Protein backbone atom coordinates (compact mmCIF):
# COMPACT_ATOMS: atom_id res chain seq x y z
CA MET A 1 188.86 5.11 -37.42
CA PHE A 2 189.44 8.80 -36.72
CA LEU A 3 186.65 10.81 -35.05
CA HIS A 4 186.61 14.17 -36.82
CA GLN A 5 184.79 16.43 -34.37
CA HIS A 6 184.05 20.05 -35.25
CA PRO A 7 186.31 22.10 -32.94
CA TYR A 8 184.23 25.31 -32.92
CA GLN A 9 180.77 26.17 -31.68
CA PRO A 10 178.47 28.03 -34.09
CA PHE A 11 178.92 31.80 -34.02
CA PHE A 12 175.85 34.03 -34.02
CA PRO A 13 176.42 37.77 -33.52
CA THR A 14 173.59 40.02 -32.38
CA GLY A 15 171.14 40.69 -35.21
CA VAL A 16 172.76 38.10 -37.49
CA THR A 17 171.34 38.26 -41.03
CA LYS A 18 173.71 36.05 -43.04
CA LEU A 19 175.05 32.63 -42.10
CA ILE A 20 178.15 31.00 -43.60
CA VAL A 21 177.63 27.23 -43.85
CA GLY A 22 180.46 24.83 -44.62
CA THR A 23 181.26 21.29 -43.50
CA LEU A 24 184.30 20.74 -41.22
CA PRO A 25 187.72 22.35 -40.72
CA PRO A 26 190.76 20.17 -41.51
CA PRO A 27 191.40 17.43 -38.91
CA ARG A 28 194.44 19.24 -37.49
CA PHE A 29 192.05 21.79 -35.98
CA THR A 30 190.39 18.93 -34.10
CA THR A 31 193.68 17.45 -32.91
CA ARG A 32 195.05 20.94 -32.12
CA ASP A 33 198.08 20.38 -34.34
CA LEU A 34 197.89 23.73 -36.12
CA LYS A 35 200.44 24.81 -38.71
CA GLU A 36 202.27 28.11 -38.85
CA GLY A 37 199.92 30.59 -40.50
CA ASP A 38 196.72 28.87 -39.33
CA VAL A 39 194.23 30.98 -37.38
CA ASP A 40 192.51 29.17 -34.52
CA PHE A 41 189.03 30.05 -35.71
CA CYS A 42 186.44 29.01 -38.28
CA TYR A 43 187.94 28.81 -41.80
CA GLY A 44 191.33 29.50 -40.28
CA SER A 45 193.34 27.04 -42.37
CA ARG A 46 196.31 28.68 -44.05
CA ASP A 47 195.35 26.68 -47.16
CA GLY A 48 191.80 28.06 -47.25
CA GLN A 49 190.75 31.15 -49.17
CA LEU A 50 187.62 32.45 -47.45
CA TRP A 51 189.39 34.98 -45.24
CA GLN A 52 191.71 35.95 -48.09
CA ILE A 53 188.65 36.72 -50.20
CA LEU A 54 186.87 38.67 -47.44
CA ASN A 55 190.12 40.49 -46.67
CA ARG A 56 190.18 41.82 -50.22
CA ILE A 57 186.47 42.60 -50.45
CA PHE A 58 186.37 44.60 -47.22
CA ASN A 59 190.02 45.75 -47.06
CA LEU A 60 190.30 44.27 -43.57
CA GLN A 61 194.10 44.09 -43.27
CA LEU A 62 193.75 40.76 -41.50
CA LYS A 63 196.61 38.94 -39.88
CA PHE A 64 197.15 35.36 -41.01
CA GLU A 65 198.84 33.89 -37.96
CA THR A 66 198.10 31.79 -34.89
CA THR A 67 197.41 34.67 -32.52
CA GLU A 68 194.54 36.02 -30.44
CA GLU A 69 194.66 39.23 -32.44
CA ALA A 70 193.96 37.35 -35.67
CA ILE A 71 190.96 35.67 -34.03
CA ARG A 72 189.68 38.99 -32.67
CA GLN A 73 189.92 40.63 -36.10
CA ARG A 74 187.65 37.98 -37.56
CA ILE A 75 185.15 38.10 -34.72
CA ASP A 76 184.99 41.90 -34.94
CA PHE A 77 184.37 41.75 -38.69
CA LEU A 78 181.58 39.17 -38.36
CA THR A 79 179.95 41.05 -35.50
CA LYS A 80 180.02 44.39 -37.30
CA ASN A 81 178.54 42.91 -40.47
CA LYS A 82 176.03 40.63 -38.70
CA ILE A 83 177.45 37.50 -40.31
CA GLY A 84 177.34 34.19 -38.46
CA ILE A 85 179.03 30.85 -39.02
CA CYS A 86 177.41 27.47 -38.47
CA ASP A 87 178.87 24.56 -40.40
CA ALA A 88 176.52 21.72 -41.28
CA VAL A 89 178.49 18.82 -39.77
CA GLU A 90 179.04 18.22 -36.05
CA TYR A 91 181.29 15.21 -36.54
CA CYS A 92 182.12 12.33 -38.83
CA TYR A 93 184.55 9.41 -39.02
CA ARG A 94 187.49 9.01 -41.37
CA GLU A 95 189.64 6.08 -42.41
CA LYS A 96 192.17 8.46 -43.96
CA VAL A 97 192.88 11.53 -41.85
CA ASP A 98 192.50 14.31 -44.41
CA ALA A 99 190.17 17.21 -45.11
CA SER A 100 188.30 15.80 -48.11
CA ASP A 101 184.52 16.07 -48.05
CA ILE A 102 184.18 12.77 -49.89
CA GLY A 103 186.16 10.99 -47.15
CA MET A 104 183.53 11.68 -44.48
CA GLN A 105 181.86 8.58 -43.09
CA GLN A 106 178.78 8.42 -40.86
CA PRO A 107 178.46 12.22 -40.74
CA VAL A 108 176.20 13.70 -38.06
CA CYS A 109 174.69 17.07 -38.95
CA ARG A 110 173.97 20.02 -36.72
CA ASP A 111 170.34 21.01 -36.23
CA LEU A 112 170.49 24.05 -38.49
CA ILE A 113 166.71 24.38 -38.60
CA SER A 114 166.59 24.84 -34.84
CA TYR A 115 169.23 27.58 -35.09
CA LEU A 116 167.32 29.29 -37.90
CA LYS A 117 164.20 29.30 -35.76
CA GLN A 118 166.13 30.67 -32.80
CA TYR A 119 167.81 33.41 -34.84
CA SER A 120 164.86 34.69 -36.82
CA THR A 121 166.81 37.63 -38.31
CA ILE A 122 168.77 35.27 -40.58
CA ASN A 123 167.61 35.69 -44.18
CA THR A 124 170.52 34.25 -46.20
CA LEU A 125 172.64 31.11 -46.00
CA LEU A 126 176.00 31.28 -47.79
CA PHE A 127 177.19 27.76 -48.58
CA THR A 128 180.93 27.40 -49.10
CA GLY A 129 180.32 24.79 -51.78
CA GLY A 130 177.51 23.17 -53.72
CA ASN A 131 175.46 20.00 -53.92
CA SER A 132 178.24 17.53 -54.70
CA LYS A 133 178.33 14.62 -52.26
CA ASN A 134 179.18 15.77 -48.72
CA GLY A 135 179.20 19.41 -49.72
CA PRO A 136 177.41 22.09 -47.64
CA GLU A 137 174.33 22.27 -49.86
CA TYR A 138 174.19 18.47 -50.00
CA PHE A 139 174.06 18.21 -46.20
CA PHE A 140 171.57 21.05 -45.89
CA ARG A 141 169.20 19.33 -48.27
CA LYS A 142 169.35 16.26 -46.01
CA ILE A 143 168.59 18.43 -42.98
CA LEU A 144 165.63 20.04 -44.77
CA LYS A 145 164.27 16.64 -45.75
CA GLU A 146 164.18 15.58 -42.10
CA HIS A 147 161.89 18.57 -41.47
CA ASP A 148 159.76 17.95 -44.57
CA LEU A 149 161.17 21.07 -46.22
CA LYS A 150 162.89 21.54 -49.57
CA LEU A 151 164.73 24.11 -51.64
CA ARG A 152 163.17 25.94 -54.58
CA LEU A 153 165.49 26.96 -57.39
CA VAL A 154 165.67 30.72 -57.97
CA ALA A 155 168.75 31.12 -60.21
CA LEU A 156 170.54 28.38 -62.12
CA ASP A 157 173.66 30.36 -63.00
CA VAL A 158 176.81 30.06 -60.88
CA PRO A 159 176.38 30.49 -57.99
CA LYS A 160 173.05 28.68 -57.80
CA ILE A 161 170.46 30.41 -55.65
CA HIS A 162 167.58 28.67 -53.87
CA GLU A 163 165.04 29.60 -51.26
CA PHE A 164 162.81 27.85 -48.76
CA GLU A 165 160.07 28.82 -46.38
CA LEU A 166 160.41 28.43 -42.64
CA ASP A 167 157.74 29.64 -40.23
CA SER A 168 156.26 31.99 -42.84
CA ARG A 169 159.60 33.59 -43.70
CA ILE A 170 161.61 33.11 -46.87
CA ILE A 171 165.30 32.25 -46.48
CA LYS A 172 167.66 32.44 -49.46
CA THR A 173 170.58 30.08 -50.00
CA VAL A 174 173.60 30.80 -52.19
CA SER A 175 175.93 27.97 -53.22
CA LEU A 176 179.22 29.84 -53.59
CA THR A 177 182.18 28.40 -55.44
CA ALA A 178 184.18 26.64 -52.73
CA PRO A 179 187.04 28.78 -51.31
CA SER A 180 189.63 26.03 -51.71
CA GLY A 181 192.38 25.13 -54.13
CA ALA A 182 190.62 21.85 -54.86
CA ALA A 183 187.79 23.79 -56.53
CA ASN A 184 190.06 25.67 -58.94
CA ARG A 185 189.45 23.16 -61.73
CA ALA A 186 185.71 23.74 -61.42
CA VAL A 187 186.26 27.49 -61.56
CA GLY A 188 188.27 27.07 -64.73
CA SER A 189 185.28 25.47 -66.46
CA ILE A 190 182.84 28.31 -65.67
CA PRO A 191 182.03 30.31 -68.85
CA LEU A 192 182.23 33.68 -67.08
CA TYR A 193 185.68 32.85 -65.70
CA LYS A 194 186.87 31.81 -69.18
CA GLU A 195 185.52 35.05 -70.62
CA LEU A 196 187.23 37.20 -67.98
CA LYS A 197 190.47 35.22 -68.21
CA GLN A 198 190.59 35.75 -71.96
CA LYS A 199 189.93 39.45 -71.56
CA TYR A 200 192.32 39.88 -68.61
CA PRO A 201 195.13 37.26 -68.78
CA GLU A 202 196.27 38.00 -65.21
CA PHE A 203 192.78 37.27 -63.84
CA THR A 204 192.94 34.42 -61.27
CA THR A 205 190.55 31.95 -59.68
CA ILE A 206 190.70 33.97 -56.45
CA ASP A 207 189.86 37.13 -58.41
CA PHE A 208 186.80 35.29 -59.70
CA ARG A 209 185.71 34.34 -56.20
CA VAL A 210 186.19 37.91 -54.97
CA LEU A 211 183.78 39.14 -57.66
CA GLN A 212 181.30 36.39 -56.86
CA TYR A 213 181.41 36.65 -53.07
CA GLU A 214 181.22 40.44 -53.03
CA ARG A 215 177.68 40.36 -54.43
CA PHE A 216 176.41 38.38 -51.48
CA PHE A 217 178.57 39.45 -48.57
CA LYS A 218 178.18 43.18 -49.17
CA ASN A 219 174.48 43.28 -50.05
């Protein structure tokens, strides 16, 4: 059984207002067997799309390579925009060594509520996926339940928006369409994507995510 340990500590810049919440990086980041084009930082997989999306939204001119400069670019962006990263899972076990959420066994979650209390300027959680089993929202709901808290639905459209109250402050959660190729089929079934694709034949699933993410990362 493979122990899939999260390789990165949570990142909280000064005055952090938004927090990106995912699950775990691919196992090769734990074993330090990175591929060419990986960035040794959160969401650094060359197969992932989060930094591609943010690169387009903010015109960051990021490097996609295994260098210190690529890491520094991402840290500088997050710090400037007061965006933190704290994935929901500290570690899990896997029979098959892959990056699938569904393959997680005996997952142990991070104490996100404690972090939210410590960093009281956080007002928005940006989940890189929804409430499907072992997705970011799924794990966060389990964490909330342990603290006798729960989400209240605010908007049912994609992406779903919820909120919850913690120490007399309201925190919003946004379940973004996952920034992975595996989620492309789900994107293809979204009515707005179909509408835009019909209107603009060259419109892609990444284009759709750029439009969606921009609303929440820029505001």
